[in-house]
Amino acid sequence: MFCSQARADAFIDDASDSEDHHAARLKAKVLKKSMDEDGYGGSDSEEDEDFAVGDGSDGGEPTDSSGSESGSDADSDEDARPKKKPKGKAKSSPAGKGGKKKKPKAKKDPNEPKRNLSAFMIFSKETRGDVLEKNPGFALGDVGKELGRRWREMDAETKKTFDAKAADAKVAYEAAMKEYKAGKKATVVDDDDDDSDGGSGSD
């Protein structure tokens, strides 16, 4: 038995590096069957059942310990090989990376004022139409690259106008946010007062 295994290993070692490992393994298997001492090797052989395409083996070793006298060597080789991970997305557990439970994302109030735009975003909003008009075949990423190039090449005086617009937008946002928060606190206080009045009975 050792002789046929050695021949199969030698056959695989002689194969060129560019040859497919799967094909080399199949050739070695056919060679081994032809040299098998007991003449077995039908489709009901134990070796055929254990053979799996895509094993991480190097192309000539038996898939089970029947080819070697010492079973512990074959077992230790299998333990030394890294196990393949199943493909596909892993389902995430409710616990986060640190083992802590993630808080559910707070729902945004549709009445809350939107954040102010930066100077570049105001520039982009005003210039995007011009870029698309001059370059109708541009994809979304190409438009962004062109806007960034124009922003970098813009002179300081023109940039100051966009900075001023951004500062005005920030002041307007802060004022709207103050008003929003004041209105939100007032409704919360009013709701609490209504609940306490409703809880007490009338005499």
Protein backbone atom coordinates (compact mmCIF):
# COMPACT_ATOMS: atom_id res chain seq x y z
CA MET A 1 0.00 0.00 0.00
CA PHE A 2 2.86 2.38 0.81
CA CYS A 3 4.36 1.76 -2.60
CA SER A 4 1.23 2.85 -4.48
CA GLN A 5 0.86 5.92 -2.30
CA ALA A 6 4.49 6.86 -2.90
CA ARG A 7 3.99 6.46 -6.66
CA ALA A 8 0.89 8.65 -6.53
CA ASP A 9 2.77 11.29 -4.53
CA ALA A 10 5.66 11.15 -6.99
CA PHE A 11 3.25 11.51 -9.90
CA ILE A 12 1.75 14.61 -8.35
CA ASP A 13 5.16 16.07 -7.54
CA ASP A 14 6.19 15.62 -11.20
CA ALA A 15 3.09 17.49 -12.40
CA SER A 16 3.72 21.05 -13.50
CA ASP A 17 2.76 23.95 -11.21
CA SER A 18 0.39 25.36 -13.80
CA GLU A 19 -1.72 22.17 -13.76
CA ASP A 20 -4.99 22.26 -11.89
CA HIS A 21 -4.68 20.67 -8.43
CA HIS A 22 -8.10 19.10 -8.77
CA ALA A 23 -7.13 17.38 -12.03
CA ALA A 24 -3.84 16.20 -10.51
CA ARG A 25 -5.69 14.74 -7.56
CA LEU A 26 -8.10 12.89 -9.82
CA LYS A 27 -5.20 11.49 -11.91
CA ALA A 28 -3.48 10.32 -8.73
CA LYS A 29 -6.68 8.70 -7.57
CA VAL A 30 -7.05 6.76 -10.85
CA LEU A 31 -3.41 5.69 -10.67
CA LYS A 32 -3.86 4.56 -7.09
CA LYS A 33 -6.94 2.52 -7.97
CA SER A 34 -5.07 0.73 -10.75
CA MET A 35 -2.27 -0.21 -8.37
CA ASP A 36 -4.51 -1.12 -5.43
CA GLU A 37 -3.51 -4.52 -4.01
CA ASP A 38 -6.93 -5.96 -3.25
CA GLY A 39 -8.48 -5.02 -6.60
CA TYR A 40 -11.17 -2.96 -4.94
CA GLY A 41 -11.90 0.51 -6.15
CA GLY A 42 -15.50 0.46 -7.28
CA SER A 43 -17.85 3.39 -6.85
CA ASP A 44 -18.90 2.07 -3.44
CA SER A 45 -15.38 2.50 -2.05
CA GLU A 46 -15.05 4.39 1.22
CA GLU A 47 -12.47 6.71 -0.33
CA ASP A 48 -14.92 7.90 -3.01
CA GLU A 49 -17.54 8.78 -0.42
CA ASP A 50 -15.12 10.84 1.64
CA PHE A 51 -13.70 12.70 -1.36
CA ALA A 52 -15.01 16.23 -1.46
CA VAL A 53 -14.29 18.72 -4.20
CA GLY A 54 -12.90 21.90 -2.80
CA ASP A 55 -11.04 20.40 0.16
CA GLY A 56 -8.12 22.50 1.23
CA SER A 57 -5.67 19.62 0.66
CA ASP A 58 -2.52 19.99 -1.40
CA GLY A 59 -3.45 17.46 -4.01
CA GLY A 60 -2.30 13.93 -3.21
CA GLU A 61 -2.96 12.99 0.33
CA PRO A 62 -5.72 10.52 1.14
CA THR A 63 -8.88 12.04 2.57
CA ASP A 64 -9.18 9.46 5.31
CA SER A 65 -6.75 7.58 7.53
CA SER A 66 -7.21 4.24 5.70
CA GLY A 67 -4.10 4.91 3.55
CA SER A 68 -1.70 5.07 6.49
CA GLU A 69 -0.99 2.59 9.24
CA SER A 70 -0.71 5.17 12.00
CA GLY A 71 -4.09 6.90 12.30
CA SER A 72 -2.75 9.54 14.66
CA ASP A 73 -0.60 11.12 11.91
CA ALA A 74 -3.59 11.59 9.62
CA ASP A 75 -5.70 12.99 12.44
CA SER A 76 -3.02 15.47 13.44
CA ASP A 77 -2.70 16.67 9.81
CA GLU A 78 -6.44 17.30 9.66
CA ASP A 79 -6.37 19.18 12.96
CA ALA A 80 -3.45 21.33 11.78
CA ARG A 81 -5.32 22.51 8.68
CA PRO A 82 -7.48 25.57 9.11
CA LYS A 83 -11.21 24.94 8.84
CA LYS A 84 -13.05 26.69 6.03
CA LYS A 85 -15.64 29.19 7.04
CA PRO A 86 -19.04 28.91 5.40
CA LYS A 87 -19.71 31.49 2.71
CA GLY A 88 -22.46 34.04 3.03
CA LYS A 89 -23.19 36.86 5.38
CA ALA A 90 -23.02 36.07 9.04
CA LYS A 91 -26.05 37.07 10.98
CA SER A 92 -25.17 39.64 13.56
CA SER A 93 -26.20 39.03 17.11
CA PRO A 94 -28.10 41.64 19.11
CA ALA A 95 -24.92 42.28 21.08
CA GLY A 96 -22.46 44.64 19.42
CA LYS A 97 -18.72 44.17 18.98
CA GLY A 98 -17.99 44.87 22.62
CA GLY A 99 -20.72 42.54 23.82
CA LYS A 100 -22.99 45.43 24.74
CA LYS A 101 -26.52 45.64 23.43
CA LYS A 102 -26.96 48.28 20.75
CA LYS A 103 -29.44 51.01 21.40
CA PRO A 104 -32.14 51.31 18.79
CA LYS A 105 -31.68 54.34 16.56
CA ALA A 106 -33.75 57.28 17.73
CA LYS A 107 -36.45 58.33 15.29
CA LYS A 108 -36.00 61.81 13.86
CA ASP A 109 -38.72 64.37 14.26
CA PRO A 110 -39.85 65.47 10.78
CA ASN A 111 -40.45 68.99 12.18
CA GLU A 112 -36.82 69.38 13.32
CA PRO A 113 -34.92 71.96 11.22
CA LYS A 114 -32.38 70.58 8.75
CA ARG A 115 -28.67 71.19 9.32
CA ASN A 116 -27.02 74.10 7.56
CA LEU A 117 -24.96 73.46 4.42
CA SER A 118 -21.21 74.02 4.33
CA ALA A 119 -19.63 76.50 1.92
CA PHE A 120 -18.62 73.69 -0.44
CA MET A 121 -22.13 72.19 -0.42
CA ILE A 122 -23.66 75.59 -1.25
CA PHE A 123 -21.13 75.92 -4.09
CA SER A 124 -21.97 72.40 -5.29
CA LYS A 125 -25.69 73.08 -5.25
CA GLU A 126 -25.25 76.22 -7.34
CA THR A 127 -22.66 74.79 -9.76
CA ARG A 128 -23.95 71.23 -10.32
CA GLY A 129 -26.35 72.30 -13.10
CA ASP A 130 -23.53 74.00 -15.01
CA VAL A 131 -21.29 70.92 -14.74
CA LEU A 132 -24.06 68.62 -15.99
CA GLU A 133 -24.91 71.03 -18.83
CA LYS A 134 -21.32 71.11 -20.09
CA ASN A 135 -20.76 67.35 -19.50
CA PRO A 136 -24.03 65.47 -20.09
CA GLY A 137 -22.30 62.04 -20.03
CA PHE A 138 -20.85 62.46 -16.53
CA ALA A 139 -21.80 59.91 -13.89
CA LEU A 140 -22.47 60.92 -10.30
CA GLY A 141 -18.86 60.35 -9.23
CA ASP A 142 -17.51 62.29 -12.19
CA VAL A 143 -19.70 65.27 -11.33
CA GLY A 144 -18.38 65.19 -7.74
CA LYS A 145 -14.77 65.06 -8.96
CA GLU A 146 -15.34 68.01 -11.27
CA LEU A 147 -16.99 70.03 -8.49
CA GLY A 148 -14.06 69.27 -6.17
CA ARG A 149 -11.56 70.30 -8.84
CA ARG A 150 -13.40 73.59 -9.43
CA TRP A 151 -13.57 74.26 -5.66
CA ARG A 152 -9.82 73.69 -5.23
CA GLU A 153 -8.97 75.95 -8.19
CA MET A 154 -11.34 78.73 -7.10
CA ASP A 155 -9.78 82.02 -6.00
CA ALA A 156 -10.03 83.14 -2.37
CA GLU A 157 -12.41 86.07 -3.09
CA THR A 158 -15.03 83.82 -4.67
CA LYS A 159 -14.69 81.32 -1.83
CA LYS A 160 -15.37 84.12 0.67
CA THR A 161 -18.81 84.67 -0.86
CA PHE A 162 -19.67 81.00 -0.28
CA ASP A 163 -18.22 81.16 3.25
CA ALA A 164 -20.48 84.16 3.97
CA LYS A 165 -23.51 82.26 2.65
CA ALA A 166 -22.58 79.30 4.87
CA ALA A 167 -22.24 81.58 7.93
CA ASP A 168 -25.69 83.07 7.24
CA ALA A 169 -27.14 79.57 6.87
CA LYS A 170 -25.58 78.55 10.20
CA VAL A 171 -27.09 81.55 12.02
CA ALA A 172 -30.50 80.78 10.51
CA TYR A 173 -30.18 77.11 11.52
CA GLU A 174 -29.24 77.98 15.11
CA ALA A 175 -32.19 80.37 15.41
CA ALA A 176 -34.58 77.77 13.99
CA MET A 177 -33.16 75.14 16.34
CA LYS A 178 -33.65 77.40 19.39
CA GLU A 179 -37.24 77.99 18.36
CA TYR A 180 -37.77 74.28 17.75
CA LYS A 181 -36.33 73.27 21.13
CA ALA A 182 -38.35 75.93 22.94
CA GLY A 183 -41.54 74.74 21.26
CA LYS A 184 -40.69 71.12 22.04
CA LYS A 185 -40.13 71.86 25.73
CA ALA A 186 -43.38 73.81 25.91
CA THR A 187 -45.37 70.90 24.42
CA VAL A 188 -43.74 68.43 26.83
CA VAL A 189 -44.58 70.65 29.83
CA ASP A 190 -48.14 71.15 28.55
CA ASP A 191 -48.61 67.40 28.06
CA ASP A 192 -47.41 66.70 31.61
CA ASP A 193 -49.80 69.30 33.05
CA ASP A 194 -52.71 67.81 31.13
CA ASP A 195 -51.95 64.31 32.41
CA SER A 196 -51.76 65.44 36.06
CA ASP A 197 -55.07 67.33 35.81
CA GLY A 198 -56.80 64.38 34.20
CA GLY A 199 -55.55 62.04 36.94
CA SER A 200 -57.19 63.98 39.77
CA GLY A 201 -60.91 63.59 40.14
CA SER A 202 -63.34 66.50 40.34
CA ASP A 203 -65.13 67.06 43.67
